[in-house]
C-alpha cells in the first residue's frame, strides 16, 4: 500500500475554476484529509520560497495558508520552499528561450535587479526522495535554492547564452507592465503575465538557509549547467 504522499500541485496563473485558493488551499486540505482517511502518515509538501502570511501576492499568501493546514494536520510532514524551479519542460526558462528565438529583444519587467536563486528540478527531486526516509526531517520546513542569487537581468542573459543568442533587454516600468498584465488577464484564458506575478517580481526570492547542501548533502546545480542539459 501507499506509505508516503508527496503533494506538489500548484498553479502560477489563475484561470476560470482554478484559483490559487481553490488549488493551493482547498486542494491541500483535500489531500491532507485523504491521507488521514487512508491512514497515511508520511507527507511531503511543496510550498514556495517567499510564502508568508503577510505576503504581497495572493500566490504566496495561499501557499502559506496551505502550509498552516499541513502543520496542523497531525501528519509526519516535511515542507519544502523552493525558489523558482527550472528544468526540461518548465514554463520559465523555456518560455523566455522561445521568445528569444523569435525576437532580437526581450521585455524585462522593472529594472531587472530583483534577485532569484533558480533551483534545478533534479536537485529538488533528490531532496524530496531523500527526505522520505529521514526521520530528522519530520515536522521541518526547508528552503531550497540554487548555489547563487542572480538578478533577473543575469537570468535573462543566462538563458540567451544557453541557446547561443545575444538579446537586447528592454526594461519596462512596473506601472506599464501592470496595465499590460491587467489587459491580458481580461482578454486571455491563460495570460502569460499577471499582476500577481509582477508583485512577486518586485521582491527578491533568495535564501541564505539553503537546505540542499546543509541538510541533504546535495551540491546545487549551477543555472548555466542545468540549462545546458535541455536548452540548445
Protein backbone atom coordinates (compact mmCIF):
# COMPACT_ATOMS: atom_id res chain seq x y z
CA UNK A 1 0.00 0.00 0.00
CA UNK A 2 0.85 3.68 -0.12
CA UNK A 3 3.09 4.84 2.74
CA UNK A 4 4.07 8.36 1.64
CA UNK A 5 2.30 11.16 -0.23
CA UNK A 6 4.21 13.94 -1.98
CA UNK A 7 1.93 16.88 -2.70
CA UNK A 8 3.38 19.28 -5.24
CA UNK A 9 0.31 20.60 -7.01
CA UNK A 10 0.36 24.33 -7.66
CA UNK A 11 -0.53 26.92 -10.29
CA UNK A 12 1.17 30.14 -11.35
CA UNK A 13 -1.80 31.59 -13.24
CA UNK A 14 -5.41 31.64 -12.11
CA UNK A 15 -7.97 30.54 -14.69
CA UNK A 16 -11.72 30.04 -14.62
CA UNK A 17 -12.46 27.47 -11.94
CA UNK A 18 -8.81 27.15 -10.96
CA UNK A 19 -7.79 29.81 -8.45
CA UNK A 20 -4.85 29.97 -6.04
CA UNK A 21 -7.21 29.46 -3.13
CA UNK A 22 -9.01 26.53 -4.71
CA UNK A 23 -5.80 24.75 -5.76
CA UNK A 24 -3.29 25.68 -3.05
CA UNK A 25 -5.55 25.86 -0.01
CA UNK A 26 -8.59 23.70 -0.66
CA UNK A 27 -6.55 21.22 -2.69
CA UNK A 28 -4.09 20.79 0.16
CA UNK A 29 -6.90 20.39 2.67
CA UNK A 30 -8.43 17.66 0.50
CA UNK A 31 -5.14 15.77 0.17
CA UNK A 32 -4.42 16.01 3.90
CA UNK A 33 -7.88 14.70 4.74
CA UNK A 34 -7.48 11.87 2.22
CA UNK A 35 -4.19 10.90 3.91
CA UNK A 36 -5.89 10.78 7.27
CA UNK A 37 -8.72 8.61 5.97
CA UNK A 38 -6.27 6.23 4.33
CA UNK A 39 -4.02 6.03 7.39
CA UNK A 40 -1.01 7.52 5.57
CA UNK A 41 1.35 9.24 7.99
CA UNK A 42 4.26 10.47 5.87
CA UNK A 43 3.50 13.63 3.91
CA UNK A 44 5.88 15.76 1.83
CA UNK A 45 4.58 19.19 0.84
CA UNK A 46 5.95 21.57 -1.78
CA UNK A 47 5.34 25.20 -0.91
CA UNK A 48 7.31 28.18 -2.25
CA UNK A 49 10.14 30.42 -1.14
CA UNK A 50 8.50 33.65 -0.07
CA UNK A 51 5.37 32.03 1.36
CA UNK A 52 4.21 34.05 4.37
CA UNK A 53 1.05 35.36 5.98
CA UNK A 54 1.57 39.00 5.03
CA UNK A 55 2.94 38.46 1.50
CA UNK A 56 2.04 40.98 -1.19
CA UNK A 57 1.00 38.30 -3.68
CA UNK A 58 -2.02 36.02 -3.41
CA UNK A 59 0.19 33.20 -4.65
CA UNK A 60 2.50 33.42 -1.64
CA UNK A 61 -0.34 34.03 0.83
CA UNK A 62 -2.23 30.92 -0.29
CA UNK A 63 0.98 28.88 -0.23
CA UNK A 64 1.35 29.98 3.41
CA UNK A 65 -2.24 29.01 4.22
CA UNK A 66 -1.58 25.59 2.73
CA UNK A 67 1.48 25.23 4.98
CA UNK A 68 -0.65 26.07 8.01
CA UNK A 69 -3.06 23.27 7.09
CA UNK A 70 -0.13 20.86 6.85
CA UNK A 71 1.37 21.98 10.17
CA UNK A 72 -1.97 21.43 11.91
CA UNK A 73 -2.60 18.08 10.21
CA UNK A 74 -1.01 15.77 12.74
CA UNK A 75 0.84 14.03 9.89
CA UNK A 76 4.59 13.38 9.79
CA UNK A 77 5.15 16.21 7.36
CA UNK A 78 8.11 17.88 5.71
CA UNK A 79 7.61 21.20 3.92
CA UNK A 80 9.89 22.39 1.13
CA UNK A 81 10.07 26.01 -0.05
CA UNK A 82 11.94 26.11 -3.36
CA UNK A 83 12.96 29.21 -5.24
CA UNK A 84 11.93 29.22 -8.91
CA UNK A 85 12.39 25.69 -10.28
CA UNK A 86 13.90 25.24 -13.72
CA UNK A 87 14.35 22.20 -15.92
CA UNK A 88 13.23 20.47 -19.08
CA UNK A 89 9.64 21.42 -19.92
CA UNK A 90 9.42 24.28 -17.43
CA UNK A 91 7.36 27.40 -18.15
CA UNK A 92 10.18 29.69 -17.07
CA UNK A 93 13.43 29.23 -18.97
CA UNK A 94 11.70 27.59 -21.93
CA UNK A 95 9.19 30.43 -22.29
CA UNK A 96 11.94 33.03 -22.45
CA UNK A 97 14.05 30.86 -24.75
CA UNK A 98 11.18 30.55 -27.25
CA UNK A 99 10.66 34.30 -27.21
CA UNK A 100 14.36 34.95 -27.72
CA UNK A 101 14.47 32.70 -30.76
CA UNK A 102 11.76 34.83 -32.36
CA UNK A 103 12.76 38.34 -31.32
CA UNK A 104 16.02 40.36 -31.15
CA UNK A 105 14.95 41.81 -27.79
CA UNK A 106 13.29 40.61 -24.60
CA UNK A 107 10.93 42.51 -22.32
CA UNK A 108 12.10 42.71 -18.69
CA UNK A 109 9.61 43.91 -16.06
CA UNK A 110 11.06 46.71 -13.95
CA UNK A 111 14.77 47.39 -13.57
CA UNK A 112 15.88 43.76 -13.69
CA UNK A 113 17.66 43.97 -10.35
CA UNK A 114 15.29 41.72 -8.41
CA UNK A 115 17.09 38.53 -7.45
CA UNK A 116 16.17 34.86 -7.67
CA UNK A 117 18.03 31.68 -6.81
CA UNK A 118 16.87 29.23 -9.51
CA UNK A 119 17.00 25.61 -8.38
CA UNK A 120 17.39 22.70 -10.80
CA UNK A 121 14.43 20.31 -10.83
CA UNK A 122 16.66 17.24 -10.44
CA UNK A 123 18.13 18.69 -7.23
CA UNK A 124 14.62 19.25 -5.91
CA UNK A 125 13.67 15.66 -6.73
CA UNK A 126 16.77 14.34 -4.95
CA UNK A 127 15.92 16.29 -1.81
CA UNK A 128 12.30 15.11 -1.83
CA UNK A 129 13.37 11.50 -2.25
CA UNK A 130 15.97 11.74 0.49
CA UNK A 131 13.56 13.35 2.95
CA UNK A 132 11.13 10.43 2.80
CA UNK A 133 13.47 8.17 4.75
CA UNK A 134 14.99 10.80 7.05
CA UNK A 135 13.26 10.83 10.43
CA UNK A 136 15.00 14.10 11.33
CA UNK A 137 13.10 15.95 8.59
CA UNK A 138 9.69 15.23 10.08
CA UNK A 139 7.97 18.39 11.25
CA UNK A 140 10.53 20.58 9.49
CA UNK A 141 10.30 23.33 6.85
CA UNK A 142 13.23 23.74 4.47
CA UNK A 143 14.17 26.44 2.00
CA UNK A 144 15.94 25.11 -1.10
CA UNK A 145 17.59 27.02 -3.90
CA UNK A 146 20.41 27.14 -6.40
CA UNK A 147 24.03 27.91 -5.49
CA UNK A 148 23.91 31.68 -6.11
CA UNK A 149 21.43 34.53 -6.23
CA UNK A 150 21.07 36.01 -9.72
CA UNK A 151 19.46 39.27 -10.80
CA UNK A 152 16.64 38.97 -13.30
CA UNK A 153 18.92 40.58 -15.89
CA UNK A 154 21.55 37.90 -15.21
CA UNK A 155 18.91 35.19 -15.57
CA UNK A 156 17.78 36.59 -18.93
CA UNK A 157 21.38 36.78 -20.15
CA UNK A 158 21.96 33.23 -18.94
CA UNK A 159 19.00 31.88 -20.89
CA UNK A 160 20.14 33.73 -24.02
CA UNK A 161 23.62 32.29 -23.60
CA UNK A 162 22.22 28.76 -23.23
CA UNK A 163 20.61 28.98 -26.70
CA UNK A 164 23.58 30.77 -28.24
CA UNK A 165 21.85 34.13 -28.65
CA UNK A 166 22.61 37.67 -27.58
CA UNK A 167 19.45 39.64 -26.94
CA UNK A 168 18.75 43.25 -26.07
CA UNK A 169 16.99 43.67 -22.73
CA UNK A 170 14.17 46.23 -22.80
CA UNK A 171 13.19 47.30 -19.28
CA UNK A 172 9.55 48.33 -18.96
CA UNK A 173 8.44 50.26 -15.84
CA UNK A 174 6.26 48.25 -13.49
CA UNK A 175 3.22 50.59 -13.76
CA UNK A 176 3.11 49.96 -17.52
CA UNK A 177 3.64 46.23 -17.01
CA UNK A 178 0.69 46.16 -14.60
CA UNK A 179 -1.54 47.80 -17.19
CA UNK A 180 -0.49 45.23 -19.78
CA UNK A 181 -0.98 42.36 -17.33
CA UNK A 182 -4.47 43.59 -16.44
CA UNK A 183 -5.44 43.66 -20.11
CA UNK A 184 -4.08 40.13 -20.65
CA UNK A 185 -5.99 38.87 -17.60
CA UNK A 186 -9.23 40.25 -19.06
CA UNK A 187 -8.73 39.03 -22.62
CA UNK A 188 -6.76 35.76 -22.44
CA UNK A 189 -7.81 32.44 -20.92
CA UNK A 190 -4.21 31.77 -19.84
CA UNK A 191 -2.33 35.09 -19.64
CA UNK A 192 1.48 34.81 -19.89
CA UNK A 193 1.81 37.55 -17.28
CA UNK A 194 -0.40 38.56 -14.34
CA UNK A 195 -0.46 41.37 -11.82
CA UNK A 196 0.12 38.86 -9.03
CA UNK A 197 3.26 37.59 -10.77
CA UNK A 198 4.52 41.16 -11.04
CA UNK A 199 4.09 41.57 -7.28
CA UNK A 200 6.38 38.59 -6.79
CA UNK A 201 8.92 40.05 -9.20
CA UNK A 202 9.11 43.20 -7.10
CA UNK A 203 10.80 41.33 -4.26
CA UNK A 204 13.85 39.10 -4.03
CA UNK A 205 13.32 35.34 -3.96
CA UNK A 206 16.52 34.15 -2.30
CA UNK A 207 17.68 32.39 0.86
CA UNK A 208 20.80 32.12 2.98
CA UNK A 209 19.49 28.91 4.59
CA UNK A 210 19.75 26.54 1.65
CA UNK A 211 18.88 23.06 2.88
CA UNK A 212 20.18 21.32 -0.26
CA UNK A 213 23.82 21.29 0.91
CA UNK A 214 23.20 21.95 4.61
CA UNK A 215 20.66 19.19 5.29
CA UNK A 216 20.67 16.82 2.32
CA UNK A 217 24.30 17.00 1.23
CA UNK A 218 23.32 17.93 -2.32
CA UNK A 219 25.58 20.28 -4.27
CA UNK A 220 23.18 22.70 -6.02
CA UNK A 221 23.48 22.69 -9.80
CA UNK A 222 24.57 25.98 -11.35
CA UNK A 223 21.98 27.73 -13.52
CA UNK A 224 24.03 27.51 -16.73
CA UNK A 225 24.97 23.89 -16.09
CA UNK A 226 21.38 22.82 -15.54
CA UNK A 227 20.09 24.64 -18.63
CA UNK A 228 22.85 23.04 -20.67
CA UNK A 229 21.12 19.68 -20.26
CA UNK A 230 17.98 20.75 -22.15
CA UNK A 231 18.38 24.17 -23.81
CA UNK A 232 20.42 24.33 -27.01
